[in-house]
Amino acid sequence: MELEATVDRLVAEINGSPIRTMQMVVLLRNATGFWAPVLAAANRAMGELDVTGSVIGPVAPSEDGPGSDELQNLQIQQAVADGAEGIGLAPISDIQTAAVDEAVASGVHVVTLDADVAASKRAIYVGTLDRSAGATAASTLLAMLPRSPGTVIIHGSVNTAGSSGLERTQGAQDVFEAAGYEVLVRQSTWAAQGETEDVAWMKTQVETADPPVVGLIGLFNISYRCAMAAEAAGKPELPVVTFDFDPKTVDYMREGRIKATHIQRQYYQGYLVPYILYAIKNIGLDATRKILAPQLVDDSRVDTGLDVVPGDKVEAYNDFLGSIDTNQ
């Protein structure tokens, strides 16, 4: 409701200013799964604003060509060359910093979403605050655990190149360690063989950890793998909480195997970004920040919050997603 109210304030302020045409582009890391609501929402907002532009998913890297990071940099450069006045960007990593700064130096406003390039000159970040989100998810699982000692498995990240995943993992780890639990972190793997490797590693820890594993938590959209590992180890009763609303996660929730999941409200991230870009151009950055104040945690980060969905509310949450015409 607060996010909807913020959009209403943006619309009202925009409608009170002269109508101007604008060209923008929103660059995503993907266009399916977790990203499908972002794509739908960004397209909807751009249609409502009647701006020129598009929402672009990834360009698949070739075996002998540049990697995904460099391809996204090329997308940013191409958007500037094509005349974009605003860029919404879901950055792959901090390697996008220089490309963002070059775009800003060319007079293009940049708003990041889902992940940030905080050291860049981007105007605003829109999304989940990862450390607090990790802590929130950990607190959800903590309420289900027996008294320590015990071991908790985190299906998260130790990769310093992906700072958002690392921060989320550290936020969760801090909660468990403060409560007296041992923590084992599995670096999540998205490669083709990743599911097999992740499940096998976590299964081994469930079978051998001392003190015994008392719960598992996953911090990405593939975190249903925690439930798979518990089952493979013959411990399907271990409490598991996850992130996002992947169809496999939903299936495990319906079976009672995943006790809760945490949704990053990515639809609202996608919806807000075009409105923020348009507002920055039409009413200025300071005025835009003033309107965003209820969600701003500092002068440049908009916290879209986190939905905590317990297993017995999965159908109700599905109904909510249907009410805003989106799903994963």
C-alpha atoms as a PDB file:
ATOM      1  CA  MET A   1       0.000   0.000   0.000  1.00  0.00           C
ATOM      2  CA  GLU A   2       2.864   2.366   0.793  1.00  0.00           C
ATOM      3  CA  LEU A   3       4.499   1.616  -2.555  1.00  0.00           C
ATOM      4  CA  GLU A   4       1.219   2.219  -4.383  1.00  0.00           C
ATOM      5  CA  ALA A   5       0.830   5.528  -2.528  1.00  0.00           C
ATOM      6  CA  THR A   6       4.324   6.564  -3.605  1.00  0.00           C
ATOM      7  CA  VAL A   7       3.487   5.849  -7.234  1.00  0.00           C
ATOM      8  CA  ASP A   8       0.299   7.913  -6.868  1.00  0.00           C
ATOM      9  CA  ARG A   9       2.332  10.848  -5.540  1.00  0.00           C
ATOM     10  CA  LEU A  10       4.762  10.565  -8.440  1.00  0.00           C
ATOM     11  CA  VAL A  11       1.895  10.501 -10.935  1.00  0.00           C
ATOM     12  CA  ALA A  12       0.217  13.517  -9.339  1.00  0.00           C
ATOM     13  CA  GLU A  13       3.426  15.548  -9.394  1.00  0.00           C
ATOM     14  CA  ILE A  14       4.210  14.508 -12.973  1.00  0.00           C
ATOM     15  CA  ASN A  15       0.691  15.435 -14.098  1.00  0.00           C
ATOM     16  CA  GLY A  16       1.187  18.870 -12.588  1.00  0.00           C
ATOM     17  CA  SER A  17       4.247  19.517 -14.763  1.00  0.00           C
ATOM     18  CA  PRO A  18       4.444  20.091 -18.520  1.00  0.00           C
ATOM     19  CA  ILE A  19       4.184  16.849 -20.473  1.00  0.00           C
ATOM     20  CA  ARG A  20       7.458  15.988 -22.188  1.00  0.00           C
ATOM     21  CA  THR A  21       8.420  13.125 -24.428  1.00  0.00           C
ATOM     22  CA  MET A  22      11.183  10.884 -23.176  1.00  0.00           C
ATOM     23  CA  GLN A  23      13.264   7.996 -24.448  1.00  0.00           C
ATOM     24  CA  MET A  24      14.369   5.372 -21.940  1.00  0.00           C
ATOM     25  CA  VAL A  25      15.495   1.773 -21.733  1.00  0.00           C
ATOM     26  CA  VAL A  26      15.424  -0.775 -18.909  1.00  0.00           C
ATOM     27  CA  LEU A  27      18.228  -3.348 -19.029  1.00  0.00           C
ATOM     28  CA  LEU A  28      17.626  -6.586 -17.103  1.00  0.00           C
ATOM     29  CA  ARG A  29      19.820  -9.579 -16.348  1.00  0.00           C
ATOM     30  CA  ASN A  30      17.106 -11.934 -17.557  1.00  0.00           C
ATOM     31  CA  ALA A  31      13.520 -11.861 -18.787  1.00  0.00           C
ATOM     32  CA  THR A  32      12.074 -15.048 -17.279  1.00  0.00           C
ATOM     33  CA  GLY A  33      11.524 -16.583 -13.855  1.00  0.00           C
ATOM     34  CA  PHE A  34      12.362 -14.068 -11.143  1.00  0.00           C
ATOM     35  CA  TRP A  35      12.589 -11.340 -13.796  1.00  0.00           C
ATOM     36  CA  ALA A  36       9.235 -11.914 -15.495  1.00  0.00           C
ATOM     37  CA  PRO A  37       7.341  -9.606 -13.051  1.00  0.00           C
ATOM     38  CA  VAL A  38      10.027  -6.928 -13.500  1.00  0.00           C
ATOM     39  CA  LEU A  39       9.663  -7.038 -17.276  1.00  0.00           C
ATOM     40  CA  ALA A  40       5.861  -6.934 -17.112  1.00  0.00           C
ATOM     41  CA  ALA A  41       5.810  -4.058 -14.631  1.00  0.00           C
ATOM     42  CA  ALA A  42       8.407  -1.938 -16.434  1.00  0.00           C
ATOM     43  CA  ASN A  43       6.567  -2.360 -19.740  1.00  0.00           C
ATOM     44  CA  ARG A  44       3.290  -1.430 -18.042  1.00  0.00           C
ATOM     45  CA  ALA A  45       4.760   1.722 -16.497  1.00  0.00           C
ATOM     46  CA  MET A  46       6.380   2.799 -19.758  1.00  0.00           C
ATOM     47  CA  GLY A  47       3.077   2.320 -21.551  1.00  0.00           C
ATOM     48  CA  GLU A  48       1.261   4.436 -18.948  1.00  0.00           C
ATOM     49  CA  LEU A  49       3.870   7.170 -19.292  1.00  0.00           C
ATOM     50  CA  ASP A  50       3.717   6.971 -23.104  1.00  0.00           C
ATOM     51  CA  VAL A  51       7.497   7.096 -23.357  1.00  0.00           C
ATOM     52  CA  THR A  52       9.630   5.735 -26.164  1.00  0.00           C
ATOM     53  CA  GLY A  53      11.790   2.781 -25.277  1.00  0.00           C
ATOM     54  CA  SER A  54      11.932  -0.868 -24.375  1.00  0.00           C
ATOM     55  CA  VAL A  55      12.779  -3.405 -21.708  1.00  0.00           C
ATOM     56  CA  ILE A  56      15.719  -5.565 -22.751  1.00  0.00           C
ATOM     57  CA  GLY A  57      16.749  -8.898 -21.311  1.00  0.00           C
ATOM     58  CA  PRO A  58      20.207 -10.406 -21.683  1.00  0.00           C
ATOM     59  CA  VAL A  59      22.141 -10.937 -24.871  1.00  0.00           C
ATOM     60  CA  ALA A  60      23.551 -14.455 -24.729  1.00  0.00           C
ATOM     61  CA  PRO A  61      27.356 -14.387 -24.787  1.00  0.00           C
ATOM     62  CA  SER A  62      29.140 -16.457 -27.412  1.00  0.00           C
ATOM     63  CA  GLU A  63      31.842 -18.922 -26.432  1.00  0.00           C
ATOM     64  CA  ASP A  64      34.625 -16.794 -27.919  1.00  0.00           C
ATOM     65  CA  GLY A  65      33.061 -13.380 -27.291  1.00  0.00           C
ATOM     66  CA  PRO A  66      32.767 -11.057 -24.300  1.00  0.00           C
ATOM     67  CA  GLY A  67      31.138 -12.318 -21.121  1.00  0.00           C
ATOM     68  CA  SER A  68      27.784 -11.194 -19.710  1.00  0.00           C
ATOM     69  CA  ASP A  69      29.356  -8.315 -17.765  1.00  0.00           C
ATOM     70  CA  GLU A  70      30.938  -6.823 -20.853  1.00  0.00           C
ATOM     71  CA  LEU A  71      27.827  -7.411 -22.940  1.00  0.00           C
ATOM     72  CA  GLN A  72      25.784  -5.393 -20.457  1.00  0.00           C
ATOM     73  CA  ASN A  73      28.342  -2.591 -20.660  1.00  0.00           C
ATOM     74  CA  LEU A  74      27.885  -2.628 -24.425  1.00  0.00           C
ATOM     75  CA  GLN A  75      24.104  -2.437 -23.938  1.00  0.00           C
ATOM     76  CA  ILE A  76      24.538   0.653 -21.762  1.00  0.00           C
ATOM     77  CA  GLN A  77      26.797   2.283 -24.348  1.00  0.00           C
ATOM     78  CA  GLN A  78      24.369   1.439 -27.151  1.00  0.00           C
ATOM     79  CA  ALA A  79      21.431   2.902 -25.212  1.00  0.00           C
ATOM     80  CA  VAL A  80      23.329   6.187 -24.830  1.00  0.00           C
ATOM     81  CA  ALA A  81      24.278   6.189 -28.525  1.00  0.00           C
ATOM     82  CA  ASP A  82      20.638   5.561 -29.466  1.00  0.00           C
ATOM     83  CA  GLY A  83      19.531   8.669 -27.574  1.00  0.00           C
ATOM     84  CA  ALA A  84      18.192   7.273 -24.306  1.00  0.00           C
ATOM     85  CA  GLU A  85      17.636   9.994 -21.706  1.00  0.00           C
ATOM     86  CA  GLY A  86      17.166   7.519 -18.872  1.00  0.00           C
ATOM     87  CA  ILE A  87      18.420   4.002 -18.187  1.00  0.00           C
ATOM     88  CA  GLY A  88      17.011   1.529 -15.685  1.00  0.00           C
ATOM     89  CA  LEU A  89      19.692  -1.026 -14.962  1.00  0.00           C
ATOM     90  CA  ALA A  90      19.795  -4.350 -13.130  1.00  0.00           C
ATOM     91  CA  PRO A  91      23.595  -4.566 -13.001  1.00  0.00           C
ATOM     92  CA  ILE A  92      25.389  -7.877 -13.186  1.00  0.00           C
ATOM     93  CA  SER A  93      28.264  -6.745 -10.981  1.00  0.00           C
ATOM     94  CA  ASP A  94      30.379  -3.781  -9.958  1.00  0.00           C
ATOM     95  CA  ILE A  95      32.055  -3.936 -13.373  1.00  0.00           C
ATOM     96  CA  GLN A  96      29.138  -1.811 -14.615  1.00  0.00           C
ATOM     97  CA  THR A  97      30.394   1.176 -12.556  1.00  0.00           C
ATOM     98  CA  ALA A  98      32.496   2.762 -15.307  1.00  0.00           C
ATOM     99  CA  ALA A  99      29.788   2.307 -17.970  1.00  0.00           C
ATOM    100  CA  VAL A 100      27.207   3.901 -15.659  1.00  0.00           C
ATOM    101  CA  ASP A 101      29.494   6.854 -14.939  1.00  0.00           C
ATOM    102  CA  GLU A 102      30.100   7.364 -18.658  1.00  0.00           C
ATOM    103  CA  ALA A 103      26.349   7.376 -19.284  1.00  0.00           C
ATOM    104  CA  VAL A 104      25.766   9.921 -16.511  1.00  0.00           C
ATOM    105  CA  ALA A 105      28.586  12.082 -17.884  1.00  0.00           C
ATOM    106  CA  SER A 106      26.686  12.074 -21.190  1.00  0.00           C
ATOM    107  CA  GLY A 107      23.629  13.525 -19.448  1.00  0.00           C
ATOM    108  CA  VAL A 108      21.711  10.256 -19.037  1.00  0.00           C
ATOM    109  CA  HIS A 109      19.961   9.558 -15.722  1.00  0.00           C
ATOM    110  CA  VAL A 110      20.572   6.029 -14.401  1.00  0.00           C
ATOM    111  CA  VAL A 111      18.435   4.221 -11.826  1.00  0.00           C
ATOM    112  CA  THR A 112      19.524   0.763 -10.674  1.00  0.00           C
ATOM    113  CA  LEU A 113      17.247  -2.018  -9.487  1.00  0.00           C
ATOM    114  CA  ASP A 114      17.593  -5.364  -7.687  1.00  0.00           C
ATOM    115  CA  ALA A 115      21.384  -4.925  -7.395  1.00  0.00           C
ATOM    116  CA  ASP A 116      23.385  -1.733  -7.120  1.00  0.00           C
ATOM    117  CA  VAL A 117      26.603  -0.166  -8.313  1.00  0.00           C
ATOM    118  CA  ALA A 118      26.848   2.010  -5.234  1.00  0.00           C
ATOM    119  CA  ALA A 119      30.243   3.497  -6.143  1.00  0.00           C
ATOM    120  CA  SER A 120      28.867   4.854  -9.413  1.00  0.00           C
ATOM    121  CA  LYS A 121      27.107   8.137 -10.151  1.00  0.00           C
ATOM    122  CA  ARG A 122      23.712   6.490 -10.589  1.00  0.00           C
ATOM    123  CA  ALA A 123      20.895   8.658  -9.263  1.00  0.00           C
ATOM    124  CA  ILE A 124      18.823   6.167  -7.236  1.00  0.00           C
ATOM    125  CA  TYR A 125      18.759   2.477  -6.378  1.00  0.00           C
ATOM    126  CA  VAL A 126      15.394   0.693  -6.126  1.00  0.00           C
ATOM    127  CA  GLY A 127      15.129  -2.693  -4.460  1.00  0.00           C
ATOM    128  CA  THR A 128      15.682  -4.906  -1.469  1.00  0.00           C
ATOM    129  CA  LEU A 129      18.280  -3.925   1.124  1.00  0.00           C
ATOM    130  CA  ASP A 130      20.214  -7.153   1.138  1.00  0.00           C
ATOM    131  CA  ARG A 131      21.743  -7.251   4.602  1.00  0.00           C
ATOM    132  CA  SER A 132      18.435  -6.514   6.322  1.00  0.00           C
ATOM    133  CA  ALA A 133      16.622  -8.933   3.990  1.00  0.00           C
ATOM    134  CA  GLY A 134      19.040 -11.704   4.941  1.00  0.00           C
ATOM    135  CA  ALA A 135      18.512 -10.911   8.611  1.00  0.00           C
ATOM    136  CA  THR A 136      14.718 -10.972   8.175  1.00  0.00           C
ATOM    137  CA  ALA A 137      14.840 -14.383   6.499  1.00  0.00           C
ATOM    138  CA  ALA A 138      17.161 -15.705   9.213  1.00  0.00           C
ATOM    139  CA  SER A 139      14.758 -14.510  11.892  1.00  0.00           C
ATOM    140  CA  THR A 140      11.955 -16.408  10.152  1.00  0.00           C
ATOM    141  CA  LEU A 141      13.946 -19.637  10.347  1.00  0.00           C
ATOM    142  CA  LEU A 142      15.274 -18.897  13.836  1.00  0.00           C
ATOM    143  CA  ALA A 143      11.745 -19.073  15.245  1.00  0.00           C
ATOM    144  CA  MET A 144      11.494 -22.668  13.970  1.00  0.00           C
ATOM    145  CA  LEU A 145      14.800 -23.991  15.326  1.00  0.00           C
ATOM    146  CA  PRO A 146      15.466 -25.960  18.500  1.00  0.00           C
ATOM    147  CA  ARG A 147      17.655 -24.285  21.088  1.00  0.00           C
ATOM    148  CA  SER A 148      21.353 -24.139  20.141  1.00  0.00           C
ATOM    149  CA  PRO A 149      23.816 -25.794  19.731  1.00  0.00           C
ATOM    150  CA  GLY A 150      23.165 -26.826  16.141  1.00  0.00           C
ATOM    151  CA  THR A 151      24.312 -26.142  12.597  1.00  0.00           C
ATOM    152  CA  VAL A 152      22.436 -24.059  10.026  1.00  0.00           C
ATOM    153  CA  ILE A 153      23.169 -24.383   6.311  1.00  0.00           C
ATOM    154  CA  ILE A 154      22.935 -21.197   4.255  1.00  0.00           C
ATOM    155  CA  HIS A 155      22.536 -21.614   0.503  1.00  0.00           C
ATOM    156  CA  GLY A 156      23.895 -18.164  -0.254  1.00  0.00           C
ATOM    157  CA  SER A 157      27.100 -16.521  -1.449  1.00  0.00           C
ATOM    158  CA  VAL A 158      30.696 -15.950  -0.426  1.00  0.00           C
ATOM    159  CA  ASN A 159      31.492 -14.289  -3.749  1.00  0.00           C
ATOM    160  CA  THR A 160      32.885 -10.791  -3.225  1.00  0.00           C
ATOM    161  CA  ALA A 161      32.234  -9.973  -6.900  1.00  0.00           C
ATOM    162  CA  GLY A 162      28.498 -10.265  -6.264  1.00  0.00           C
ATOM    163  CA  SER A 163      28.203  -7.899  -3.340  1.00  0.00           C
ATOM    164  CA  SER A 164      24.411  -8.058  -2.975  1.00  0.00           C
ATOM    165  CA  GLY A 165      24.392 -11.835  -2.458  1.00  0.00           C
ATOM    166  CA  LEU A 166      27.298 -11.597  -0.063  1.00  0.00           C
ATOM    167  CA  GLU A 167      25.563  -8.921   2.009  1.00  0.00           C
ATOM    168  CA  ARG A 168      22.380 -10.966   2.196  1.00  0.00           C
ATOM    169  CA  THR A 169      24.363 -13.995   3.339  1.00  0.00           C
ATOM    170  CA  GLN A 170      26.249 -12.011   5.953  1.00  0.00           C
ATOM    171  CA  GLY A 171      23.002 -10.548   7.283  1.00  0.00           C
ATOM    172  CA  ALA A 172      21.607 -14.053   7.783  1.00  0.00           C
ATOM    173  CA  GLN A 173      24.847 -15.446   9.188  1.00  0.00           C
ATOM    174  CA  ASP A 174      25.068 -12.711  11.799  1.00  0.00           C
ATOM    175  CA  VAL A 175      21.612 -13.620  13.155  1.00  0.00           C
ATOM    176  CA  PHE A 176      22.391 -17.326  13.507  1.00  0.00           C
ATOM    177  CA  GLU A 177      25.823 -16.846  15.038  1.00  0.00           C
ATOM    178  CA  ALA A 178      24.452 -14.352  17.549  1.00  0.00           C
ATOM    179  CA  ALA A 179      21.953 -17.036  18.592  1.00  0.00           C
ATOM    180  CA  GLY A 180      24.746 -19.568  19.137  1.00  0.00           C
ATOM    181  CA  TYR A 181      24.495 -21.702  15.996  1.00  0.00           C
ATOM    182  CA  GLU A 182      27.305 -22.927  13.764  1.00  0.00           C
ATOM    183  CA  VAL A 183      26.905 -21.811  10.158  1.00  0.00           C
ATOM    184  CA  LEU A 184      27.923 -23.528   6.922  1.00  0.00           C
ATOM    185  CA  VAL A 185      27.616 -21.493   3.718  1.00  0.00           C
ATOM    186  CA  ARG A 186      27.226 -23.069   0.304  1.00  0.00           C
ATOM    187  CA  GLN A 187      28.111 -20.854  -2.645  1.00  0.00           C
ATOM    188  CA  SER A 188      25.024 -21.072  -4.861  1.00  0.00           C
ATOM    189  CA  THR A 189      25.761 -22.366  -8.352  1.00  0.00           C
ATOM    190  CA  TRP A 190      23.783 -21.320 -11.422  1.00  0.00           C
ATOM    191  CA  ALA A 191      25.773 -23.356 -13.955  1.00  0.00           C
ATOM    192  CA  ALA A 192      24.121 -26.278 -15.742  1.00  0.00           C
ATOM    193  CA  GLN A 193      25.376 -28.792 -13.183  1.00  0.00           C
ATOM    194  CA  GLY A 194      24.687 -26.430 -10.276  1.00  0.00           C
ATOM    195  CA  GLU A 195      21.606 -28.147  -8.895  1.00  0.00           C
ATOM    196  CA  THR A 196      23.332 -31.510  -8.643  1.00  0.00           C
ATOM    197  CA  GLU A 197      26.426 -29.985  -7.018  1.00  0.00           C
ATOM    198  CA  ASP A 198      24.484 -27.812  -4.569  1.00  0.00           C
ATOM    199  CA  VAL A 199      22.197 -30.616  -3.443  1.00  0.00           C
ATOM    200  CA  ALA A 200      25.085 -33.082  -3.074  1.00  0.00           C
ATOM    201  CA  TRP A 201      27.145 -30.655  -0.953  1.00  0.00           C
ATOM    202  CA  MET A 202      24.259 -29.777   1.356  1.00  0.00           C
ATOM    203  CA  LYS A 203      23.200 -33.444   1.638  1.00  0.00           C
ATOM    204  CA  THR A 204      26.696 -34.333   2.834  1.00  0.00           C
ATOM    205  CA  GLN A 205      26.621 -31.599   5.467  1.00  0.00           C
ATOM    206  CA  VAL A 206      23.209 -32.729   6.739  1.00  0.00           C
ATOM    207  CA  GLU A 207      24.599 -36.243   7.107  1.00  0.00           C
ATOM    208  CA  THR A 208      27.945 -35.342   8.717  1.00  0.00           C
ATOM    209  CA  ALA A 209      27.868 -31.903  10.401  1.00  0.00           C
ATOM    210  CA  ASP A 210      28.742 -31.708  14.090  1.00  0.00           C
ATOM    211  CA  PRO A 211      26.715 -30.337  15.781  1.00  0.00           C
ATOM    212  CA  PRO A 212      23.880 -31.722  13.650  1.00  0.00           C
ATOM    213  CA  VAL A 213      22.102 -29.580  11.065  1.00  0.00           C
ATOM    214  CA  VAL A 214      18.879 -28.170  12.521  1.00  0.00           C
ATOM    215  CA  GLY A 215      17.689 -26.059   9.569  1.00  0.00           C
ATOM    216  CA  LEU A 216      18.453 -24.787   6.070  1.00  0.00           C
ATOM    217  CA  ILE A 217      17.921 -21.390   4.479  1.00  0.00           C
ATOM    218  CA  GLY A 218      18.229 -20.367   0.848  1.00  0.00           C
ATOM    219  CA  LEU A 219      18.698 -16.753  -0.193  1.00  0.00           C
ATOM    220  CA  PHE A 220      18.076 -16.842  -3.965  1.00  0.00           C
ATOM    221  CA  ASN A 221      15.376 -17.997  -6.365  1.00  0.00           C
ATOM    222  CA  ILE A 222      17.006 -21.450  -6.599  1.00  0.00           C
ATOM    223  CA  SER A 223      16.839 -21.959  -2.856  1.00  0.00           C
ATOM    224  CA  TYR A 224      14.275 -24.771  -3.159  1.00  0.00           C
ATOM    225  CA  ARG A 225      17.446 -26.861  -3.476  1.00  0.00           C
ATOM    226  CA  CYS A 226      17.629 -26.772   0.329  1.00  0.00           C
ATOM    227  CA  ALA A 227      14.453 -28.871   0.490  1.00  0.00           C
ATOM    228  CA  MET A 228      15.867 -31.240  -2.113  1.00  0.00           C
ATOM    229  CA  ALA A 229      19.021 -31.692  -0.029  1.00  0.00           C
ATOM    230  CA  ALA A 230      17.110 -32.366   3.180  1.00  0.00           C
ATOM    231  CA  GLU A 231      15.046 -34.986   1.389  1.00  0.00           C
ATOM    232  CA  ALA A 232      18.130 -36.570  -0.203  1.00  0.00           C
ATOM    233  CA  ALA A 233      19.694 -36.869   3.251  1.00  0.00           C
ATOM    234  CA  GLY A 234      16.587 -38.546   4.616  1.00  0.00           C
ATOM    235  CA  LYS A 235      15.693 -35.537   6.797  1.00  0.00           C
ATOM    236  CA  PRO A 236      12.640 -33.995   5.080  1.00  0.00           C
ATOM    237  CA  GLU A 237      11.393 -32.799   8.472  1.00  0.00           C
ATOM    238  CA  LEU A 238      14.221 -30.226   8.797  1.00  0.00           C
ATOM    239  CA  PRO A 239      12.791 -26.685   8.628  1.00  0.00           C
ATOM    240  CA  VAL A 240      13.608 -24.893   5.393  1.00  0.00           C
ATOM    241  CA  VAL A 241      12.946 -21.262   4.465  1.00  0.00           C
ATOM    242  CA  THR A 242      13.726 -19.716   1.113  1.00  0.00           C
ATOM    243  CA  PHE A 243      13.681 -16.633  -1.093  1.00  0.00           C
ATOM    244  CA  ASP A 244      11.489 -15.774  -4.064  1.00  0.00           C
ATOM    245  CA  PHE A 245       8.539 -17.606  -5.586  1.00  0.00           C
ATOM    246  CA  ASP A 246       9.933 -20.043  -8.105  1.00  0.00           C
ATOM    247  CA  PRO A 247       7.356 -22.671  -9.159  1.00  0.00           C
ATOM    248  CA  LYS A 248       9.462 -25.389  -7.501  1.00  0.00           C
ATOM    249  CA  THR A 249       9.490 -23.374  -4.283  1.00  0.00           C
ATOM    250  CA  VAL A 250       5.706 -23.061  -4.456  1.00  0.00           C
ATOM    251  CA  ASP A 251       5.332 -26.813  -4.956  1.00  0.00           C
ATOM    252  CA  TYR A 252       7.485 -27.548  -1.907  1.00  0.00           C
ATOM    253  CA  MET A 253       5.506 -25.036   0.142  1.00  0.00           C
ATOM    254  CA  ARG A 254       2.265 -26.758  -0.800  1.00  0.00           C
ATOM    255  CA  GLU A 255       3.790 -30.055   0.366  1.00  0.00           C
ATOM    256  CA  GLY A 256       4.773 -28.487   3.685  1.00  0.00           C
ATOM    257  CA  ARG A 257       8.475 -28.977   2.962  1.00  0.00           C
ATOM    258  CA  ILE A 258       9.341 -25.262   2.731  1.00  0.00           C
ATOM    259  CA  LYS A 259       7.949 -23.437   5.748  1.00  0.00           C
ATOM    260  CA  ALA A 260       8.172 -19.856   4.412  1.00  0.00           C
ATOM    261  CA  THR A 261       9.623 -17.822   1.599  1.00  0.00           C
ATOM    262  CA  HIS A 262      10.620 -14.172   1.191  1.00  0.00           C
ATOM    263  CA  ILE A 263       9.559 -12.156  -1.852  1.00  0.00           C
ATOM    264  CA  GLN A 264      11.558  -9.148  -3.015  1.00  0.00           C
ATOM    265  CA  ARG A 265       8.606  -7.279  -4.535  1.00  0.00           C
ATOM    266  CA  GLN A 266      10.374  -7.195  -7.868  1.00  0.00           C
ATOM    267  CA  TYR A 267       7.152  -6.212  -9.635  1.00  0.00           C
ATOM    268  CA  TYR A 268       7.245  -2.882  -7.804  1.00  0.00           C
ATOM    269  CA  GLN A 269      10.927  -2.470  -8.578  1.00  0.00           C
ATOM    270  CA  GLY A 270      10.171  -2.769 -12.288  1.00  0.00           C
ATOM    271  CA  TYR A 271       7.134  -0.513 -12.018  1.00  0.00           C
ATOM    272  CA  LEU A 272       8.826   2.276 -10.070  1.00  0.00           C
ATOM    273  CA  VAL A 273      11.960   2.617 -12.202  1.00  0.00           C
ATOM    274  CA  PRO A 274      10.351   4.169 -15.333  1.00  0.00           C
ATOM    275  CA  TYR A 275       8.314   6.534 -13.155  1.00  0.00           C
ATOM    276  CA  ILE A 276      11.428   7.608 -11.263  1.00  0.00           C
ATOM    277  CA  LEU A 277      13.385   8.164 -14.481  1.00  0.00           C
ATOM    278  CA  TYR A 278      10.521  10.199 -15.923  1.00  0.00           C
ATOM    279  CA  ALA A 279      10.156  12.213 -12.720  1.00  0.00           C
ATOM    280  CA  ILE A 280      13.866  13.014 -12.541  1.00  0.00           C
ATOM    281  CA  LYS A 281      13.699  14.502 -16.029  1.00  0.00           C
ATOM    282  CA  ASN A 282      10.437  16.384 -15.528  1.00  0.00           C
ATOM    283  CA  ILE A 283      10.522  17.633 -11.939  1.00  0.00           C
ATOM    284  CA  GLY A 284      14.175  17.150 -11.014  1.00  0.00           C
ATOM    285  CA  LEU A 285      16.110  14.752  -8.796  1.00  0.00           C
ATOM    286  CA  ASP A 286      15.569  16.638  -5.540  1.00  0.00           C
ATOM    287  CA  ALA A 287      11.803  16.823  -6.025  1.00  0.00           C
ATOM    288  CA  THR A 288      11.738  13.145  -6.927  1.00  0.00           C
ATOM    289  CA  ARG A 289      13.649  12.232  -3.777  1.00  0.00           C
ATOM    290  CA  LYS A 290      11.184  14.210  -1.701  1.00  0.00           C
ATOM    291  CA  ILE A 291       8.284  12.180  -3.074  1.00  0.00           C
ATOM    292  CA  LEU A 292      10.182   8.924  -2.491  1.00  0.00           C
ATOM    293  CA  ALA A 293      11.053   9.920   1.088  1.00  0.00           C
ATOM    294  CA  PRO A 294       8.832   7.296   2.833  1.00  0.00           C
ATOM    295  CA  GLN A 295      10.883   4.527   1.175  1.00  0.00           C
ATOM    296  CA  LEU A 296      14.286   6.255   1.129  1.00  0.00           C
ATOM    297  CA  VAL A 297      16.789   4.933   3.669  1.00  0.00           C
ATOM    298  CA  ASP A 298      19.346   7.572   2.671  1.00  0.00           C
ATOM    299  CA  ASP A 299      19.481  10.119  -0.145  1.00  0.00           C
ATOM    300  CA  SER A 300      19.682   7.540  -2.935  1.00  0.00           C
ATOM    301  CA  ARG A 301      18.296   4.107  -1.955  1.00  0.00           C
ATOM    302  CA  VAL A 302      14.626   3.199  -2.175  1.00  0.00           C
ATOM    303  CA  ASP A 303      13.770   0.188  -0.013  1.00  0.00           C
ATOM    304  CA  THR A 304      10.899  -1.693  -1.648  1.00  0.00           C
ATOM    305  CA  GLY A 305      10.713  -4.038   1.328  1.00  0.00           C
ATOM    306  CA  LEU A 306      10.186  -7.773   1.641  1.00  0.00           C
ATOM    307  CA  ASP A 307       7.095  -9.971   1.728  1.00  0.00           C
ATOM    308  CA  VAL A 308       7.331 -12.835   4.235  1.00  0.00           C
ATOM    309  CA  VAL A 309       5.027 -15.602   2.999  1.00  0.00           C
ATOM    310  CA  PRO A 310       4.403 -18.554   5.348  1.00  0.00           C
ATOM    311  CA  GLY A 311       3.563 -21.902   3.822  1.00  0.00           C
ATOM    312  CA  ASP A 312      -0.117 -21.724   4.743  1.00  0.00           C
ATOM    313  CA  LYS A 313      -0.487 -18.420   2.870  1.00  0.00           C
ATOM    314  CA  VAL A 314       0.909 -19.560  -0.471  1.00  0.00           C
ATOM    315  CA  GLU A 315      -2.489 -19.599  -2.206  1.00  0.00           C
ATOM    316  CA  ALA A 316      -3.392 -16.189  -0.820  1.00  0.00           C
ATOM    317  CA  TYR A 317      -0.111 -14.804  -2.132  1.00  0.00           C
ATOM    318  CA  ASN A 318      -0.802 -16.368  -5.514  1.00  0.00           C
ATOM    319  CA  ASP A 319      -4.129 -14.548  -5.510  1.00  0.00           C
ATOM    320  CA  PHE A 320      -2.343 -11.279  -4.729  1.00  0.00           C
ATOM    321  CA  LEU A 321       0.039 -11.790  -7.645  1.00  0.00           C
ATOM    322  CA  GLY A 322      -2.972 -12.412  -9.839  1.00  0.00           C
ATOM    323  CA  SER A 323      -4.543  -9.165  -8.656  1.00  0.00           C
ATOM    324  CA  ILE A 324      -1.582  -7.215 -10.054  1.00  0.00           C
ATOM    325  CA  ASP A 325      -1.552  -9.422 -13.158  1.00  0.00           C
ATOM    326  CA  THR A 326       1.860 -10.932 -12.609  1.00  0.00           C
ATOM    327  CA  ASN A 327       3.438 -14.207 -11.582  1.00  0.00           C
ATOM    328  CA  GLN A 328       6.723 -16.081 -11.556  1.00  0.00           C
END
